[in-house]
Amino acid sequence: MPHSAVYAILQPVVALLMWSLVMWLWMLLTRVPAMMAMKIALDPALPPRDLTLSLPARVRWKADNYNHLMEAPTLFYAAALVIAVTDPANSLAIASAWAYVALRVAHSLVQALINHIPSRLFLFVLSTIALASLVWCGAHAVFGG
């Protein structure tokens, strides 16, 4: 099996990892100045959510999205790794993986910039369909049929 086949399915994985770090940096560059401007004391006795509750919604949206990138995408990473090991040249899996990444980036931008919930829901549903396609490809490769 040529390495390029494995790389083709791992490229969207690395792309989403990189995007997650972009969102982390955006969150940091937004949250820290806002906390400093509001003179929020870093009280270790308070849960993290309580520390940031008084921040403007536009600041919290970035952190909310970063947290979302640590949730459902874990299934994406697992499914993509299954494909990388079992059927890395699967064109449907590769297309599904790239679709998932594109839709998650779009979801991030909508949430971080305008937080229009119907748009976020639409993108989340579409990304879950792409994820389901990827999982189906992995299941087909592992279980056959």
N, C-alpha and C. Protein backbone atom coordinates (compact mmCIF):
# COMPACT_ATOMS: atom_id res chain seq x y z
N MET A 1 0.85 -1.18 0.00
CA MET A 1 0.00 0.00 0.00
C MET A 1 0.89 1.24 0.00
N PRO A 2 0.70 2.13 -0.94
CA PRO A 2 1.52 3.34 -0.99
C PRO A 2 1.21 4.25 0.19
N HIS A 3 2.26 4.92 0.67
CA HIS A 3 2.07 5.84 1.78
C HIS A 3 1.11 6.97 1.43
N SER A 4 1.09 7.37 0.17
CA SER A 4 0.23 8.49 -0.22
C SER A 4 -1.24 8.20 0.07
N ALA A 5 -1.64 6.93 -0.01
CA ALA A 5 -3.03 6.58 0.32
C ALA A 5 -3.31 6.85 1.79
N VAL A 6 -2.39 6.51 2.65
CA VAL A 6 -2.56 6.76 4.08
C VAL A 6 -2.57 8.26 4.32
N TYR A 7 -1.68 8.99 3.64
CA TYR A 7 -1.62 10.44 3.83
C TYR A 7 -2.94 11.10 3.42
N ALA A 8 -3.57 10.57 2.38
CA ALA A 8 -4.81 11.19 1.89
C ALA A 8 -5.90 11.20 2.95
N ILE A 9 -5.99 10.17 3.76
CA ILE A 9 -7.02 10.14 4.81
C ILE A 9 -6.52 10.86 6.07
N LEU A 10 -5.22 10.94 6.26
CA LEU A 10 -4.69 11.63 7.45
C LEU A 10 -4.63 13.15 7.26
N GLN A 11 -4.60 13.62 6.04
CA GLN A 11 -4.55 15.07 5.80
C GLN A 11 -5.73 15.81 6.43
N PRO A 12 -6.98 15.34 6.26
CA PRO A 12 -8.07 16.05 6.92
C PRO A 12 -7.98 15.97 8.46
N VAL A 13 -7.41 14.89 8.96
CA VAL A 13 -7.22 14.78 10.42
C VAL A 13 -6.28 15.89 10.89
N VAL A 14 -5.16 16.04 10.21
CA VAL A 14 -4.19 17.07 10.60
C VAL A 14 -4.80 18.46 10.39
N ALA A 15 -5.57 18.63 9.34
CA ALA A 15 -6.22 19.92 9.10
C ALA A 15 -7.14 20.30 10.26
N LEU A 16 -7.93 19.34 10.76
CA LEU A 16 -8.83 19.66 11.88
C LEU A 16 -8.04 19.88 13.16
N LEU A 17 -6.96 19.15 13.35
CA LEU A 17 -6.10 19.41 14.50
C LEU A 17 -5.55 20.84 14.45
N MET A 18 -5.10 21.24 13.27
CA MET A 18 -4.57 22.59 13.11
C MET A 18 -5.66 23.64 13.34
N TRP A 19 -6.86 23.38 12.81
CA TRP A 19 -7.96 24.32 13.02
C TRP A 19 -8.29 24.44 14.51
N SER A 20 -8.25 23.33 15.23
CA SER A 20 -8.52 23.35 16.67
C SER A 20 -7.52 24.26 17.39
N LEU A 21 -6.27 24.23 16.95
CA LEU A 21 -5.26 25.11 17.55
C LEU A 21 -5.49 26.57 17.17
N VAL A 22 -5.98 26.81 15.96
CA VAL A 22 -6.34 28.18 15.57
C VAL A 22 -7.45 28.69 16.49
N MET A 23 -8.45 27.87 16.74
CA MET A 23 -9.55 28.28 17.62
C MET A 23 -9.05 28.49 19.05
N TRP A 24 -8.11 27.66 19.50
CA TRP A 24 -7.54 27.84 20.84
C TRP A 24 -6.83 29.20 20.92
N LEU A 25 -6.06 29.53 19.90
CA LEU A 25 -5.35 30.80 19.90
C LEU A 25 -6.33 31.97 19.84
N TRP A 26 -7.36 31.86 19.02
CA TRP A 26 -8.37 32.91 18.91
C TRP A 26 -9.05 33.11 20.27
N MET A 27 -9.38 31.99 20.93
CA MET A 27 -9.99 32.05 22.25
C MET A 27 -9.06 32.78 23.22
N LEU A 28 -7.80 32.41 23.22
CA LEU A 28 -6.83 33.00 24.14
C LEU A 28 -6.67 34.49 23.88
N LEU A 29 -6.52 34.86 22.61
CA LEU A 29 -6.31 36.26 22.25
C LEU A 29 -7.56 37.12 22.48
N THR A 30 -8.70 36.49 22.62
CA THR A 30 -9.94 37.21 22.89
C THR A 30 -10.25 37.24 24.39
N ARG A 31 -10.07 36.10 25.02
CA ARG A 31 -10.47 35.97 26.43
C ARG A 31 -9.53 36.71 27.37
N VAL A 32 -8.25 36.57 27.21
CA VAL A 32 -7.29 37.18 28.15
C VAL A 32 -7.43 38.70 28.19
N PRO A 33 -7.44 39.38 27.03
CA PRO A 33 -7.62 40.84 27.10
C PRO A 33 -8.96 41.24 27.72
N ALA A 34 -10.01 40.48 27.43
CA ALA A 34 -11.33 40.80 28.01
C ALA A 34 -11.30 40.63 29.52
N MET A 35 -10.66 39.57 30.00
CA MET A 35 -10.57 39.35 31.45
C MET A 35 -9.74 40.44 32.11
N MET A 36 -8.67 40.85 31.43
CA MET A 36 -7.82 41.92 31.98
C MET A 36 -8.59 43.24 32.01
N ALA A 37 -9.32 43.54 30.94
CA ALA A 37 -10.09 44.78 30.88
C ALA A 37 -11.17 44.84 31.95
N MET A 38 -11.75 43.67 32.25
CA MET A 38 -12.80 43.61 33.27
C MET A 38 -12.24 43.39 34.67
N LYS A 39 -10.90 43.28 34.75
CA LYS A 39 -10.22 43.06 36.03
C LYS A 39 -10.80 41.85 36.79
N ILE A 40 -10.98 40.76 36.05
CA ILE A 40 -11.49 39.53 36.66
C ILE A 40 -10.36 38.87 37.43
N ALA A 41 -10.60 38.67 38.72
CA ALA A 41 -9.60 38.04 39.58
C ALA A 41 -9.59 36.54 39.32
N LEU A 42 -8.40 35.98 39.22
CA LEU A 42 -8.25 34.54 38.97
C LEU A 42 -8.31 33.82 40.32
N ASP A 43 -9.51 33.57 40.78
CA ASP A 43 -9.76 32.94 42.07
C ASP A 43 -9.76 31.42 41.90
N PRO A 44 -8.77 30.72 42.46
CA PRO A 44 -8.70 29.26 42.28
C PRO A 44 -9.87 28.53 42.95
N ALA A 45 -10.60 29.20 43.82
CA ALA A 45 -11.73 28.56 44.49
C ALA A 45 -12.97 28.53 43.60
N LEU A 46 -12.97 29.33 42.54
CA LEU A 46 -14.12 29.38 41.63
C LEU A 46 -13.95 28.39 40.49
N PRO A 47 -15.03 27.72 40.11
CA PRO A 47 -14.95 26.88 38.90
C PRO A 47 -14.66 27.76 37.68
N PRO A 48 -13.96 27.25 36.68
CA PRO A 48 -13.61 28.06 35.50
C PRO A 48 -14.81 28.75 34.86
N ARG A 49 -15.93 28.08 34.80
CA ARG A 49 -17.12 28.68 34.18
C ARG A 49 -17.54 29.94 34.93
N ASP A 50 -17.44 29.92 36.26
CA ASP A 50 -17.82 31.09 37.06
C ASP A 50 -16.87 32.26 36.80
N LEU A 51 -15.61 31.97 36.53
CA LEU A 51 -14.64 33.03 36.24
C LEU A 51 -14.98 33.79 34.96
N THR A 52 -15.52 33.09 34.00
CA THR A 52 -15.74 33.70 32.68
C THR A 52 -17.21 34.05 32.42
N LEU A 53 -18.08 33.77 33.35
CA LEU A 53 -19.51 34.01 33.16
C LEU A 53 -19.84 35.46 32.88
N SER A 54 -19.07 36.37 33.44
CA SER A 54 -19.36 37.80 33.25
C SER A 54 -18.76 38.36 31.95
N LEU A 55 -18.01 37.56 31.24
CA LEU A 55 -17.44 38.02 29.96
C LEU A 55 -18.55 38.21 28.93
N PRO A 56 -18.36 39.11 28.00
CA PRO A 56 -19.36 39.30 26.93
C PRO A 56 -19.54 38.00 26.14
N ALA A 57 -20.74 37.80 25.65
CA ALA A 57 -21.05 36.59 24.89
C ALA A 57 -20.10 36.41 23.71
N ARG A 58 -19.77 37.49 23.00
CA ARG A 58 -18.88 37.41 21.84
C ARG A 58 -17.52 36.84 22.21
N VAL A 59 -17.09 37.04 23.45
CA VAL A 59 -15.82 36.48 23.92
C VAL A 59 -16.01 35.00 24.27
N ARG A 60 -17.11 34.68 24.91
CA ARG A 60 -17.35 33.29 25.33
C ARG A 60 -17.58 32.35 24.14
N TRP A 61 -18.11 32.88 23.03
CA TRP A 61 -18.40 32.03 21.87
C TRP A 61 -17.16 31.29 21.38
N LYS A 62 -16.00 31.94 21.42
CA LYS A 62 -14.78 31.29 20.94
C LYS A 62 -14.43 30.09 21.82
N ALA A 63 -14.54 30.26 23.14
CA ALA A 63 -14.26 29.17 24.06
C ALA A 63 -15.29 28.06 23.92
N ASP A 64 -16.54 28.44 23.73
CA ASP A 64 -17.59 27.42 23.52
C ASP A 64 -17.26 26.58 22.29
N ASN A 65 -16.83 27.25 21.22
CA ASN A 65 -16.52 26.50 20.02
C ASN A 65 -15.30 25.62 20.20
N TYR A 66 -14.28 26.13 20.87
CA TYR A 66 -13.09 25.31 21.13
C TYR A 66 -13.50 24.05 21.89
N ASN A 67 -14.38 24.20 22.88
CA ASN A 67 -14.86 23.04 23.62
C ASN A 67 -15.60 22.07 22.70
N HIS A 68 -16.39 22.61 21.77
CA HIS A 68 -17.10 21.74 20.82
C HIS A 68 -16.13 20.95 19.95
N LEU A 69 -14.99 21.57 19.63
CA LEU A 69 -13.98 20.87 18.82
C LEU A 69 -13.28 19.75 19.60
N MET A 70 -13.50 19.69 20.89
CA MET A 70 -12.94 18.61 21.71
C MET A 70 -13.98 17.51 21.94
N GLU A 71 -15.17 17.66 21.42
CA GLU A 71 -16.25 16.71 21.65
C GLU A 71 -16.49 15.80 20.44
N ALA A 72 -17.43 16.13 19.58
CA ALA A 72 -17.79 15.27 18.44
C ALA A 72 -16.60 14.91 17.55
N PRO A 73 -15.64 15.80 17.33
CA PRO A 73 -14.51 15.41 16.48
C PRO A 73 -13.70 14.22 17.01
N THR A 74 -13.85 13.87 18.27
CA THR A 74 -13.13 12.68 18.74
C THR A 74 -13.59 11.45 17.97
N LEU A 75 -14.86 11.41 17.61
CA LEU A 75 -15.36 10.30 16.79
C LEU A 75 -14.74 10.35 15.40
N PHE A 76 -14.59 11.56 14.86
CA PHE A 76 -13.95 11.74 13.55
C PHE A 76 -12.53 11.19 13.56
N TYR A 77 -11.76 11.56 14.60
CA TYR A 77 -10.38 11.10 14.67
C TYR A 77 -10.30 9.57 14.72
N ALA A 78 -11.15 8.97 15.53
CA ALA A 78 -11.15 7.51 15.64
C ALA A 78 -11.52 6.86 14.31
N ALA A 79 -12.57 7.37 13.68
CA ALA A 79 -13.02 6.78 12.41
C ALA A 79 -11.95 6.95 11.32
N ALA A 80 -11.32 8.10 11.27
CA ALA A 80 -10.28 8.33 10.26
C ALA A 80 -9.09 7.41 10.48
N LEU A 81 -8.75 7.16 11.73
CA LEU A 81 -7.64 6.24 12.00
C LEU A 81 -7.99 4.81 11.62
N VAL A 82 -9.24 4.42 11.84
CA VAL A 82 -9.68 3.09 11.40
C VAL A 82 -9.52 2.98 9.89
N ILE A 83 -9.96 4.00 9.16
CA ILE A 83 -9.82 4.00 7.70
C ILE A 83 -8.35 3.97 7.30
N ALA A 84 -7.51 4.75 7.98
CA ALA A 84 -6.08 4.79 7.65
C ALA A 84 -5.44 3.41 7.76
N VAL A 85 -5.92 2.61 8.70
CA VAL A 85 -5.35 1.28 8.92
C VAL A 85 -5.96 0.23 7.99
N THR A 86 -7.27 0.38 7.69
CA THR A 86 -7.97 -0.68 6.98
C THR A 86 -8.21 -0.44 5.50
N ASP A 87 -8.48 0.81 5.12
CA ASP A 87 -8.86 1.10 3.72
C ASP A 87 -8.53 2.55 3.37
N PRO A 88 -7.25 2.93 3.43
CA PRO A 88 -6.89 4.35 3.28
C PRO A 88 -7.18 4.95 1.92
N ALA A 89 -7.34 4.14 0.90
CA ALA A 89 -7.60 4.68 -0.43
C ALA A 89 -9.09 4.84 -0.72
N ASN A 90 -9.93 4.62 0.27
CA ASN A 90 -11.38 4.71 0.09
C ASN A 90 -11.76 6.16 -0.23
N SER A 91 -12.17 6.40 -1.46
CA SER A 91 -12.45 7.77 -1.90
C SER A 91 -13.66 8.38 -1.19
N LEU A 92 -14.66 7.56 -0.87
CA LEU A 92 -15.81 8.07 -0.12
C LEU A 92 -15.38 8.52 1.27
N ALA A 93 -14.52 7.74 1.90
CA ALA A 93 -14.03 8.09 3.24
C ALA A 93 -13.22 9.39 3.19
N ILE A 94 -12.38 9.53 2.20
CA ILE A 94 -11.56 10.74 2.08
C ILE A 94 -12.45 11.96 1.84
N ALA A 95 -13.42 11.83 0.95
CA ALA A 95 -14.34 12.94 0.67
C ALA A 95 -15.17 13.28 1.92
N SER A 96 -15.61 12.25 2.62
CA SER A 96 -16.39 12.46 3.85
C SER A 96 -15.56 13.17 4.90
N ALA A 97 -14.29 12.77 5.01
CA ALA A 97 -13.41 13.40 6.00
C ALA A 97 -13.20 14.88 5.69
N TRP A 98 -12.94 15.19 4.43
CA TRP A 98 -12.76 16.59 4.05
C TRP A 98 -14.05 17.39 4.22
N ALA A 99 -15.17 16.78 3.89
CA ALA A 99 -16.46 17.46 4.10
C ALA A 99 -16.67 17.75 5.58
N TYR A 100 -16.35 16.79 6.42
CA TYR A 100 -16.49 16.98 7.87
C TYR A 100 -15.63 18.16 8.33
N VAL A 101 -14.39 18.20 7.89
CA VAL A 101 -13.49 19.28 8.30
C VAL A 101 -14.03 20.63 7.81
N ALA A 102 -14.42 20.72 6.57
CA ALA A 102 -14.93 21.98 6.03
C ALA A 102 -16.17 22.45 6.79
N LEU A 103 -17.05 21.51 7.09
CA LEU A 103 -18.27 21.87 7.81
C LEU A 103 -17.98 22.27 9.26
N ARG A 104 -17.00 21.63 9.89
CA ARG A 104 -16.64 22.02 11.26
C ARG A 104 -15.98 23.40 11.28
N VAL A 105 -15.17 23.70 10.28
CA VAL A 105 -14.57 25.04 10.20
C VAL A 105 -15.68 26.07 10.00
N ALA A 106 -16.62 25.79 9.10
CA ALA A 106 -17.74 26.71 8.88
C ALA A 106 -18.54 26.88 10.18
N HIS A 107 -18.79 25.78 10.88
CA HIS A 107 -19.50 25.84 12.16
C HIS A 107 -18.74 26.73 13.15
N SER A 108 -17.44 26.57 13.22
CA SER A 108 -16.62 27.39 14.11
C SER A 108 -16.78 28.87 13.79
N LEU A 109 -16.68 29.20 12.52
CA LEU A 109 -16.77 30.60 12.12
C LEU A 109 -18.14 31.19 12.43
N VAL A 110 -19.18 30.43 12.18
CA VAL A 110 -20.53 30.92 12.50
C VAL A 110 -20.66 31.12 14.01
N GLN A 111 -20.21 30.14 14.79
CA GLN A 111 -20.36 30.27 16.24
C GLN A 111 -19.50 31.39 16.80
N ALA A 112 -18.27 31.51 16.33
CA ALA A 112 -17.35 32.50 16.90
C ALA A 112 -17.68 33.92 16.47
N LEU A 113 -18.31 34.10 15.32
CA LEU A 113 -18.54 35.45 14.80
C LEU A 113 -19.95 35.97 15.02
N ILE A 114 -20.96 35.13 14.75
CA ILE A 114 -22.34 35.63 14.86
C ILE A 114 -23.21 34.76 15.75
N ASN A 115 -22.81 33.53 15.96
CA ASN A 115 -23.53 32.58 16.81
C ASN A 115 -25.01 32.45 16.44
N HIS A 116 -25.29 32.38 15.15
CA HIS A 116 -26.66 32.18 14.68
C HIS A 116 -26.99 30.70 14.85
N ILE A 117 -27.83 30.40 15.82
CA ILE A 117 -28.05 29.00 16.23
C ILE A 117 -28.66 28.15 15.11
N PRO A 118 -29.66 28.62 14.34
CA PRO A 118 -30.16 27.77 13.25
C PRO A 118 -29.06 27.41 12.23
N SER A 119 -28.18 28.36 11.93
CA SER A 119 -27.07 28.06 11.01
C SER A 119 -26.11 27.06 11.61
N ARG A 120 -25.81 27.24 12.89
CA ARG A 120 -24.93 26.29 13.58
C ARG A 120 -25.54 24.90 13.57
N LEU A 121 -26.82 24.80 13.85
CA LEU A 121 -27.50 23.49 13.87
C LEU A 121 -27.44 22.84 12.49
N PHE A 122 -27.72 23.63 11.46
CA PHE A 122 -27.67 23.11 10.09
C PHE A 122 -26.28 22.55 9.77
N LEU A 123 -25.24 23.32 10.09
CA LEU A 123 -23.87 22.87 9.83
C LEU A 123 -23.51 21.66 10.68
N PHE A 124 -23.99 21.63 11.91
CA PHE A 124 -23.72 20.49 12.79
C PHE A 124 -24.38 19.22 12.23
N VAL A 125 -25.61 19.34 11.76
CA VAL A 125 -26.30 18.18 11.19
C VAL A 125 -25.57 17.70 9.94
N LEU A 126 -25.20 18.64 9.06
CA LEU A 126 -24.46 18.24 7.85
C LEU A 126 -23.13 17.58 8.20
N SER A 127 -22.43 18.14 9.19
CA SER A 127 -21.13 17.54 9.57
C SER A 127 -21.33 16.17 10.17
N THR A 128 -22.44 15.97 10.88
CA THR A 128 -22.71 14.65 11.45
C THR A 128 -23.04 13.64 10.37
N ILE A 129 -23.69 14.08 9.30
CA ILE A 129 -23.94 13.19 8.15
C ILE A 129 -22.61 12.78 7.52
N ALA A 130 -21.69 13.75 7.35
CA ALA A 130 -20.36 13.42 6.82
C ALA A 130 -19.63 12.47 7.75
N LEU A 131 -19.75 12.70 9.05
CA LEU A 131 -19.12 11.82 10.04
C LEU A 131 -19.72 10.42 9.97
N ALA A 132 -21.04 10.34 9.84
CA ALA A 132 -21.71 9.03 9.74
C ALA A 132 -21.22 8.28 8.50
N SER A 133 -21.01 8.99 7.41
CA SER A 133 -20.49 8.37 6.20
C SER A 133 -19.09 7.80 6.45
N LEU A 134 -18.26 8.57 7.14
CA LEU A 134 -16.91 8.11 7.47
C LEU A 134 -16.96 6.88 8.37
N VAL A 135 -17.82 6.92 9.37
CA VAL A 135 -17.96 5.76 10.28
C VAL A 135 -18.46 4.55 9.50
N TRP A 136 -19.41 4.77 8.59
CA TRP A 136 -19.92 3.66 7.78
C TRP A 136 -18.78 3.05 6.96
N CYS A 137 -17.94 3.88 6.39
CA CYS A 137 -16.78 3.37 5.62
C CYS A 137 -15.88 2.55 6.51
N GLY A 138 -15.64 3.01 7.72
CA GLY A 138 -14.81 2.25 8.66
C GLY A 138 -15.45 0.95 9.05
N ALA A 139 -16.74 0.98 9.31
CA ALA A 139 -17.46 -0.25 9.68
C ALA A 139 -17.42 -1.25 8.53
N HIS A 140 -17.62 -0.74 7.32
CA HIS A 140 -17.60 -1.61 6.14
C HIS A 140 -16.21 -2.25 5.98
N ALA A 141 -15.17 -1.47 6.21
CA ALA A 141 -13.81 -1.99 6.07
C ALA A 141 -13.50 -3.04 7.16
N VAL A 142 -14.00 -2.82 8.35
CA VAL A 142 -13.69 -3.72 9.46
C VAL A 142 -14.57 -4.96 9.46
N PHE A 143 -15.88 -4.77 9.22
CA PHE A 143 -16.82 -5.88 9.30
C PHE A 143 -17.13 -6.51 7.95
N GLY A 144 -16.72 -5.81 6.88
CA GLY A 144 -17.01 -6.33 5.54
C GLY A 144 -18.46 -6.18 5.19
N GLY A 145 -18.79 -6.66 4.02
CA GLY A 145 -20.20 -6.63 3.66
C GLY A 145 -20.45 -5.76 2.55
